[in-house]
Amino acid sequence: MLTTLLGDIEIYVDDNKVEYMEKYIRVSDKLCHDVSGRYAIKIDFNPDGKIHTISCKIKGHVSSKKDGIEPGERLEF
């Protein structure tokens, strides 16, 4: 499980929690110069021709109406 300063990252497919693998990606001086690390997240998924939703959640986070990303914020974990 990938752990950040904000908490553990959970991945869901159609609101069902799934296992995933994380892989460290070197920090790019051009793209993300102000982060301490970057990761790729891989899930096992077989395409079935249907529409699906893949979501990333922080374990234990309780959503509120104040949550969200403002235009131009470029949220980076």
PDB file of N, CA and C in Angstrom:
ATOM      1  N   MET A   1       0.850  -1.175   0.000  1.00  0.00           N
ATOM      2  CA  MET A   1       0.000   0.000   0.000  1.00  0.00           C
ATOM      3  C   MET A   1       0.895   1.236   0.000  1.00  0.00           C
ATOM      4  N   LEU A   2       0.528   2.206  -0.798  1.00  0.00           N
ATOM      5  CA  LEU A   2       1.263   3.459  -0.899  1.00  0.00           C
ATOM      6  C   LEU A   2       0.813   4.374   0.235  1.00  0.00           C
ATOM      7  N   THR A   3       1.766   4.872   1.001  1.00  0.00           N
ATOM      8  CA  THR A   3       1.470   5.755   2.122  1.00  0.00           C
ATOM      9  C   THR A   3       2.049   7.136   1.850  1.00  0.00           C
ATOM     10  N   THR A   4       1.225   8.157   2.012  1.00  0.00           N
ATOM     11  CA  THR A   4       1.661   9.541   1.816  1.00  0.00           C
ATOM     12  C   THR A   4       1.536  10.287   3.139  1.00  0.00           C
ATOM     13  N   LEU A   5       1.950  11.539   3.149  1.00  0.00           N
ATOM     14  CA  LEU A   5       1.783  12.363   4.343  1.00  0.00           C
ATOM     15  C   LEU A   5       0.314  12.576   4.683  1.00  0.00           C
ATOM     16  N   LEU A   6      -0.550  12.463   3.682  1.00  0.00           N
ATOM     17  CA  LEU A   6      -1.988  12.629   3.900  1.00  0.00           C
ATOM     18  C   LEU A   6      -2.662  11.349   4.374  1.00  0.00           C
ATOM     19  N   GLY A   7      -2.023  10.199   4.171  1.00  0.00           N
ATOM     20  CA  GLY A   7      -2.587   8.913   4.569  1.00  0.00           C
ATOM     21  C   GLY A   7      -2.346   7.841   3.526  1.00  0.00           C
ATOM     22  N   ASP A   8      -2.887   6.658   3.781  1.00  0.00           N
ATOM     23  CA  ASP A   8      -2.745   5.524   2.868  1.00  0.00           C
ATOM     24  C   ASP A   8      -3.659   5.705   1.660  1.00  0.00           C
ATOM     25  N   ILE A   9      -3.136   5.349   0.483  1.00  0.00           N
ATOM     26  CA  ILE A   9      -3.895   5.475  -0.755  1.00  0.00           C
ATOM     27  C   ILE A   9      -4.641   4.174  -1.034  1.00  0.00           C
ATOM     28  N   GLU A  10      -5.938   4.288  -1.309  1.00  0.00           N
ATOM     29  CA  GLU A  10      -6.764   3.144  -1.686  1.00  0.00           C
ATOM     30  C   GLU A  10      -7.285   3.375  -3.104  1.00  0.00           C
ATOM     31  N   ILE A  11      -7.356   2.300  -3.881  1.00  0.00           N
ATOM     32  CA  ILE A  11      -7.846   2.372  -5.257  1.00  0.00           C
ATOM     33  C   ILE A  11      -9.142   1.572  -5.353  1.00  0.00           C
ATOM     34  N   TYR A  12     -10.124   2.141  -6.050  1.00  0.00           N
ATOM     35  CA  TYR A  12     -11.433   1.515  -6.206  1.00  0.00           C
ATOM     36  C   TYR A  12     -11.798   1.434  -7.684  1.00  0.00           C
ATOM     37  N   VAL A  13     -12.423   0.337  -8.070  1.00  0.00           N
ATOM     38  CA  VAL A  13     -13.013   0.188  -9.397  1.00  0.00           C
ATOM     39  C   VAL A  13     -14.505  -0.010  -9.174  1.00  0.00           C
ATOM     40  N   ASP A  14     -15.297   0.905  -9.690  1.00  0.00           N
ATOM     41  CA  ASP A  14     -16.757   0.864  -9.494  1.00  0.00           C
ATOM     42  C   ASP A  14     -17.115   0.741  -8.014  1.00  0.00           C
ATOM     43  N   ASP A  15     -16.470   1.538  -7.179  1.00  0.00           N
ATOM     44  CA  ASP A  15     -16.699   1.582  -5.724  1.00  0.00           C
ATOM     45  C   ASP A  15     -16.305   0.305  -4.987  1.00  0.00           C
ATOM     46  N   ASN A  16     -15.559  -0.587  -5.639  1.00  0.00           N
ATOM     47  CA  ASN A  16     -15.046  -1.795  -4.990  1.00  0.00           C
ATOM     48  C   ASN A  16     -13.540  -1.651  -4.824  1.00  0.00           C
ATOM     49  N   LYS A  17     -13.067  -1.753  -3.582  1.00  0.00           N
ATOM     50  CA  LYS A  17     -11.638  -1.609  -3.311  1.00  0.00           C
ATOM     51  C   LYS A  17     -10.869  -2.738  -3.993  1.00  0.00           C
ATOM     52  N   VAL A  18      -9.760  -2.376  -4.666  1.00  0.00           N
ATOM     53  CA  VAL A  18      -8.942  -3.368  -5.361  1.00  0.00           C
ATOM     54  C   VAL A  18      -7.495  -3.261  -4.888  1.00  0.00           C
ATOM     55  N   GLU A  19      -6.780  -4.366  -5.008  1.00  0.00           N
ATOM     56  CA  GLU A  19      -5.354  -4.377  -4.707  1.00  0.00           C
ATOM     57  C   GLU A  19      -4.613  -3.723  -5.865  1.00  0.00           C
ATOM     58  N   TYR A  20      -3.466  -3.153  -5.575  1.00  0.00           N
ATOM     59  CA  TYR A  20      -2.676  -2.518  -6.621  1.00  0.00           C
ATOM     60  C   TYR A  20      -1.191  -2.659  -6.315  1.00  0.00           C
ATOM     61  N   MET A  21      -0.396  -2.382  -7.325  1.00  0.00           N
ATOM     62  CA  MET A  21       1.056  -2.385  -7.170  1.00  0.00           C
ATOM     63  C   MET A  21       1.542  -0.969  -7.433  1.00  0.00           C
ATOM     64  N   GLU A  22       2.500  -0.521  -6.641  1.00  0.00           N
ATOM     65  CA  GLU A  22       3.063   0.797  -6.881  1.00  0.00           C
ATOM     66  C   GLU A  22       4.521   0.663  -7.310  1.00  0.00           C
ATOM     67  N   LYS A  23       4.947   1.589  -8.156  1.00  0.00           N
ATOM     68  CA  LYS A  23       6.321   1.576  -8.660  1.00  0.00           C
ATOM     69  C   LYS A  23       6.868   2.992  -8.585  1.00  0.00           C
ATOM     70  N   TYR A  24       8.037   3.139  -7.978  1.00  0.00           N
ATOM     71  CA  TYR A  24       8.663   4.454  -7.874  1.00  0.00           C
ATOM     72  C   TYR A  24       9.106   4.928  -9.251  1.00  0.00           C
ATOM     73  N   ILE A  25       8.834   6.181  -9.545  1.00  0.00           N
ATOM     74  CA  ILE A  25       9.271   6.813 -10.789  1.00  0.00           C
ATOM     75  C   ILE A  25      10.177   7.974 -10.390  1.00  0.00           C
ATOM     76  N   ARG A  26      11.295   8.087 -11.041  1.00  0.00           N
ATOM     77  CA  ARG A  26      12.249   9.143 -10.702  1.00  0.00           C
ATOM     78  C   ARG A  26      11.581  10.515 -10.807  1.00  0.00           C
ATOM     79  N   VAL A  27      11.977  11.417  -9.916  1.00  0.00           N
ATOM     80  CA  VAL A  27      11.446  12.777  -9.919  1.00  0.00           C
ATOM     81  C   VAL A  27      12.018  13.532 -11.110  1.00  0.00           C
ATOM     82  N   SER A  28      11.159  14.197 -11.843  1.00  0.00           N
ATOM     83  CA  SER A  28      11.560  14.953 -13.027  1.00  0.00           C
ATOM     84  C   SER A  28      11.810  16.413 -12.659  1.00  0.00           C
ATOM     85  N   ASP A  29      12.975  16.915 -13.017  1.00  0.00           N
ATOM     86  CA  ASP A  29      13.282  18.325 -12.765  1.00  0.00           C
ATOM     87  C   ASP A  29      12.380  19.249 -13.579  1.00  0.00           C
ATOM     88  N   LYS A  30      11.882  18.774 -14.710  1.00  0.00           N
ATOM     89  CA  LYS A  30      11.061  19.610 -15.585  1.00  0.00           C
ATOM     90  C   LYS A  30       9.579  19.576 -15.219  1.00  0.00           C
ATOM     91  N   LEU A  31       9.068  18.403 -14.822  1.00  0.00           N
ATOM     92  CA  LEU A  31       7.630  18.264 -14.598  1.00  0.00           C
ATOM     93  C   LEU A  31       7.203  18.484 -13.153  1.00  0.00           C
ATOM     94  N   CYS A  32       7.909  17.888 -12.221  1.00  0.00           N
ATOM     95  CA  CYS A  32       7.489  17.913 -10.812  1.00  0.00           C
ATOM     96  C   CYS A  32       8.688  18.225  -9.929  1.00  0.00           C
ATOM     97  N   HIS A  33       9.295  19.362 -10.123  1.00  0.00           N
ATOM     98  CA  HIS A  33      10.536  19.680  -9.424  1.00  0.00           C
ATOM     99  C   HIS A  33      10.370  19.893  -7.923  1.00  0.00           C
ATOM    100  N   ASP A  34       9.153  20.147  -7.445  1.00  0.00           N
ATOM    101  CA  ASP A  34       8.958  20.441  -6.026  1.00  0.00           C
ATOM    102  C   ASP A  34       8.305  19.296  -5.247  1.00  0.00           C
ATOM    103  N   VAL A  35       8.413  18.059  -5.734  1.00  0.00           N
ATOM    104  CA  VAL A  35       7.892  16.900  -5.011  1.00  0.00           C
ATOM    105  C   VAL A  35       9.052  16.000  -4.602  1.00  0.00           C
ATOM    106  N   SER A  36       8.841  15.216  -3.551  1.00  0.00           N
ATOM    107  CA  SER A  36       9.903  14.337  -3.059  1.00  0.00           C
ATOM    108  C   SER A  36       9.855  12.952  -3.686  1.00  0.00           C
ATOM    109  N   GLY A  37       8.803  12.624  -4.424  1.00  0.00           N
ATOM    110  CA  GLY A  37       8.714  11.318  -5.069  1.00  0.00           C
ATOM    111  C   GLY A  37       7.506  11.235  -5.984  1.00  0.00           C
ATOM    112  N   ARG A  38       7.587  10.329  -6.972  1.00  0.00           N
ATOM    113  CA  ARG A  38       6.464  10.061  -7.879  1.00  0.00           C
ATOM    114  C   ARG A  38       6.297   8.556  -7.974  1.00  0.00           C
ATOM    115  N   TYR A  39       5.053   8.118  -8.117  1.00  0.00           N
ATOM    116  CA  TYR A  39       4.763   6.692  -8.194  1.00  0.00           C
ATOM    117  C   TYR A  39       3.747   6.413  -9.288  1.00  0.00           C
ATOM    118  N   ALA A  40       3.896   5.265  -9.922  1.00  0.00           N
ATOM    119  CA  ALA A  40       2.889   4.745 -10.838  1.00  0.00           C
ATOM    120  C   ALA A  40       2.079   3.717 -10.058  1.00  0.00           C
ATOM    121  N   ILE A  41       0.790   3.683 -10.295  1.00  0.00           N
ATOM    122  CA  ILE A  41      -0.081   2.705  -9.650  1.00  0.00           C
ATOM    123  C   ILE A  41      -0.642   1.804 -10.737  1.00  0.00           C
ATOM    124  N   LYS A  42      -0.482   0.488 -10.555  1.00  0.00           N
ATOM    125  CA  LYS A  42      -0.946  -0.483 -11.541  1.00  0.00           C
ATOM    126  C   LYS A  42      -1.986  -1.397 -10.900  1.00  0.00           C
ATOM    127  N   ILE A  43      -3.104  -1.581 -11.608  1.00  0.00           N
ATOM    128  CA  ILE A  43      -4.129  -2.524 -11.156  1.00  0.00           C
ATOM    129  C   ILE A  43      -4.320  -3.578 -12.238  1.00  0.00           C
ATOM    130  N   ASP A  44      -4.701  -4.774 -11.825  1.00  0.00           N
ATOM    131  CA  ASP A  44      -5.037  -5.824 -12.785  1.00  0.00           C
ATOM    132  C   ASP A  44      -6.487  -5.611 -13.204  1.00  0.00           C
ATOM    133  N   PHE A  45      -6.689  -5.458 -14.504  1.00  0.00           N
ATOM    134  CA  PHE A  45      -8.033  -5.194 -15.005  1.00  0.00           C
ATOM    135  C   PHE A  45      -8.149  -5.741 -16.412  1.00  0.00           C
ATOM    136  N   ASN A  46      -9.178  -6.520 -16.650  1.00  0.00           N
ATOM    137  CA  ASN A  46      -9.439  -7.061 -17.981  1.00  0.00           C
ATOM    138  C   ASN A  46     -10.582  -6.280 -18.619  1.00  0.00           C
ATOM    139  N   PRO A  47     -10.325  -5.594 -19.734  1.00  0.00           N
ATOM    140  CA  PRO A  47     -11.380  -4.823 -20.399  1.00  0.00           C
ATOM    141  C   PRO A  47     -12.568  -5.714 -20.771  1.00  0.00           C
ATOM    142  N   ASP A  48     -13.764  -5.217 -20.483  1.00  0.00           N
ATOM    143  CA  ASP A  48     -14.966  -5.985 -20.810  1.00  0.00           C
ATOM    144  C   ASP A  48     -15.940  -5.192 -21.681  1.00  0.00           C
ATOM    145  N   GLY A  49     -15.501  -4.026 -22.176  1.00  0.00           N
ATOM    146  CA  GLY A  49     -16.342  -3.221 -23.048  1.00  0.00           C
ATOM    147  C   GLY A  49     -17.344  -2.344 -22.316  1.00  0.00           C
ATOM    148  N   LYS A  50     -17.405  -2.420 -20.999  1.00  0.00           N
ATOM    149  CA  LYS A  50     -18.338  -1.610 -20.216  1.00  0.00           C
ATOM    150  C   LYS A  50     -17.628  -0.355 -19.706  1.00  0.00           C
ATOM    151  N   ILE A  51     -18.414   0.628 -19.289  1.00  0.00           N
ATOM    152  CA  ILE A  51     -17.867   1.846 -18.705  1.00  0.00           C
ATOM    153  C   ILE A  51     -17.627   1.606 -17.217  1.00  0.00           C
ATOM    154  N   HIS A  52     -16.439   1.976 -16.743  1.00  0.00           N
ATOM    155  CA  HIS A  52     -16.078   1.793 -15.341  1.00  0.00           C
ATOM    156  C   HIS A  52     -15.535   3.092 -14.765  1.00  0.00           C
ATOM    157  N   THR A  53     -15.571   3.192 -13.454  1.00  0.00           N
ATOM    158  CA  THR A  53     -15.000   4.332 -12.751  1.00  0.00           C
ATOM    159  C   THR A  53     -13.857   3.839 -11.878  1.00  0.00           C
ATOM    160  N   ILE A  54     -12.683   4.441 -12.058  1.00  0.00           N
ATOM    161  CA  ILE A  54     -11.527   4.128 -11.219  1.00  0.00           C
ATOM    162  C   ILE A  54     -11.275   5.349 -10.353  1.00  0.00           C
ATOM    163  N   SER A  55     -11.203   5.147  -9.035  1.00  0.00           N
ATOM    164  CA  SER A  55     -11.000   6.281  -8.139  1.00  0.00           C
ATOM    165  C   SER A  55      -9.886   6.002  -7.141  1.00  0.00           C
ATOM    166  N   CYS A  56      -9.311   7.069  -6.678  1.00  0.00           N
ATOM    167  CA  CYS A  56      -8.220   7.030  -5.709  1.00  0.00           C
ATOM    168  C   CYS A  56      -8.717   7.753  -4.461  1.00  0.00           C
ATOM    169  N   LYS A  57      -8.601   7.113  -3.300  1.00  0.00           N
ATOM    170  CA  LYS A  57      -9.078   7.722  -2.061  1.00  0.00           C
ATOM    171  C   LYS A  57      -7.999   7.638  -0.995  1.00  0.00           C
ATOM    172  N   ILE A  58      -8.038   8.572  -0.076  1.00  0.00           N
ATOM    173  CA  ILE A  58      -7.142   8.540   1.074  1.00  0.00           C
ATOM    174  C   ILE A  58      -7.887   7.838   2.197  1.00  0.00           C
ATOM    175  N   LYS A  59      -7.316   6.748   2.694  1.00  0.00           N
ATOM    176  CA  LYS A  59      -7.970   5.929   3.719  1.00  0.00           C
ATOM    177  C   LYS A  59      -8.344   6.786   4.932  1.00  0.00           C
ATOM    178  N   GLY A  60      -9.591   6.677   5.336  1.00  0.00           N
ATOM    179  CA  GLY A  60     -10.069   7.379   6.518  1.00  0.00           C
ATOM    180  C   GLY A  60     -10.494   8.822   6.281  1.00  0.00           C
ATOM    181  N   HIS A  61     -10.302   9.341   5.071  1.00  0.00           N
ATOM    182  CA  HIS A  61     -10.699  10.731   4.790  1.00  0.00           C
ATOM    183  C   HIS A  61     -12.215  10.825   4.700  1.00  0.00           C
ATOM    184  N   VAL A  62     -12.770  11.811   5.366  1.00  0.00           N
ATOM    185  CA  VAL A  62     -14.205  12.051   5.314  1.00  0.00           C
ATOM    186  C   VAL A  62     -14.433  13.259   4.410  1.00  0.00           C
ATOM    187  N   SER A  63     -15.173  13.061   3.338  1.00  0.00           N
ATOM    188  CA  SER A  63     -15.423  14.133   2.368  1.00  0.00           C
ATOM    189  C   SER A  63     -16.302  15.227   2.957  1.00  0.00           C
ATOM    190  N   SER A  64     -16.098  16.434   2.466  1.00  0.00           N
ATOM    191  CA  SER A  64     -16.963  17.545   2.842  1.00  0.00           C
ATOM    192  C   SER A  64     -17.201  18.416   1.612  1.00  0.00           C
ATOM    193  N   LYS A  65     -18.125  19.347   1.718  1.00  0.00           N
ATOM    194  CA  LYS A  65     -18.419  20.244   0.601  1.00  0.00           C
ATOM    195  C   LYS A  65     -17.261  21.199   0.331  1.00  0.00           C
ATOM    196  N   LYS A  66     -16.350  21.345   1.291  1.00  0.00           N
ATOM    197  CA  LYS A  66     -15.203  22.239   1.128  1.00  0.00           C
ATOM    198  C   LYS A  66     -14.079  21.590   0.327  1.00  0.00           C
ATOM    199  N   ASP A  67     -14.150  20.265   0.124  1.00  0.00           N
ATOM    200  CA  ASP A  67     -13.120  19.564  -0.642  1.00  0.00           C
ATOM    201  C   ASP A  67     -13.193  19.964  -2.107  1.00  0.00           C
ATOM    202  N   GLY A  68     -12.070  19.836  -2.771  1.00  0.00           N
ATOM    203  CA  GLY A  68     -12.052  20.098  -4.201  1.00  0.00           C
ATOM    204  C   GLY A  68     -10.753  20.756  -4.611  1.00  0.00           C
ATOM    205  N   ILE A  69     -10.554  20.815  -5.899  1.00  0.00           N
ATOM    206  CA  ILE A  69      -9.368  21.438  -6.462  1.00  0.00           C
ATOM    207  C   ILE A  69      -9.824  22.668  -7.232  1.00  0.00           C
ATOM    208  N   GLU A  70      -9.256  23.784  -6.903  1.00  0.00           N
ATOM    209  CA  GLU A  70      -9.575  25.021  -7.607  1.00  0.00           C
ATOM    210  C   GLU A  70      -8.800  25.073  -8.915  1.00  0.00           C
ATOM    211  N   PRO A  71      -9.328  25.743  -9.923  1.00  0.00           N
ATOM    212  CA  PRO A  71      -8.608  25.867 -11.186  1.00  0.00           C
ATOM    213  C   PRO A  71      -7.214  26.463 -10.964  1.00  0.00           C
ATOM    214  N   GLY A  72      -6.219  25.847 -11.589  1.00  0.00           N
ATOM    215  CA  GLY A  72      -4.856  26.346 -11.490  1.00  0.00           C
ATOM    216  C   GLY A  72      -4.075  25.864 -10.287  1.00  0.00           C
ATOM    217  N   GLU A  73      -4.664  25.049  -9.409  1.00  0.00           N
ATOM    218  CA  GLU A  73      -3.953  24.601  -8.211  1.00  0.00           C
ATOM    219  C   GLU A  73      -2.893  23.550  -8.488  1.00  0.00           C
ATOM    220  N   ARG A  74      -3.048  22.766  -9.546  1.00  0.00           N
ATOM    221  CA  ARG A  74      -2.099  21.704  -9.887  1.00  0.00           C
ATOM    222  C   ARG A  74      -1.794  20.828  -8.676  1.00  0.00           C
ATOM    223  N   LEU A  75      -2.825  20.221  -8.128  1.00  0.00           N
ATOM    224  CA  LEU A  75      -2.669  19.383  -6.940  1.00  0.00           C
ATOM    225  C   LEU A  75      -1.684  18.265  -7.202  1.00  0.00           C
ATOM    226  N   GLU A  76      -0.680  18.153  -6.352  1.00  0.00           N
ATOM    227  CA  GLU A  76       0.326  17.096  -6.458  1.00  0.00           C
ATOM    228  C   GLU A  76       0.475  16.448  -5.099  1.00  0.00           C
ATOM    229  N   PHE A  77       0.521  15.129  -5.073  1.00  0.00           N
ATOM    230  CA  PHE A  77       0.753  14.401  -3.826  1.00  0.00           C
ATOM    231  C   PHE A  77       2.224  14.151  -3.677  1.00  0.00           C
TER     232      PHE A  77
END
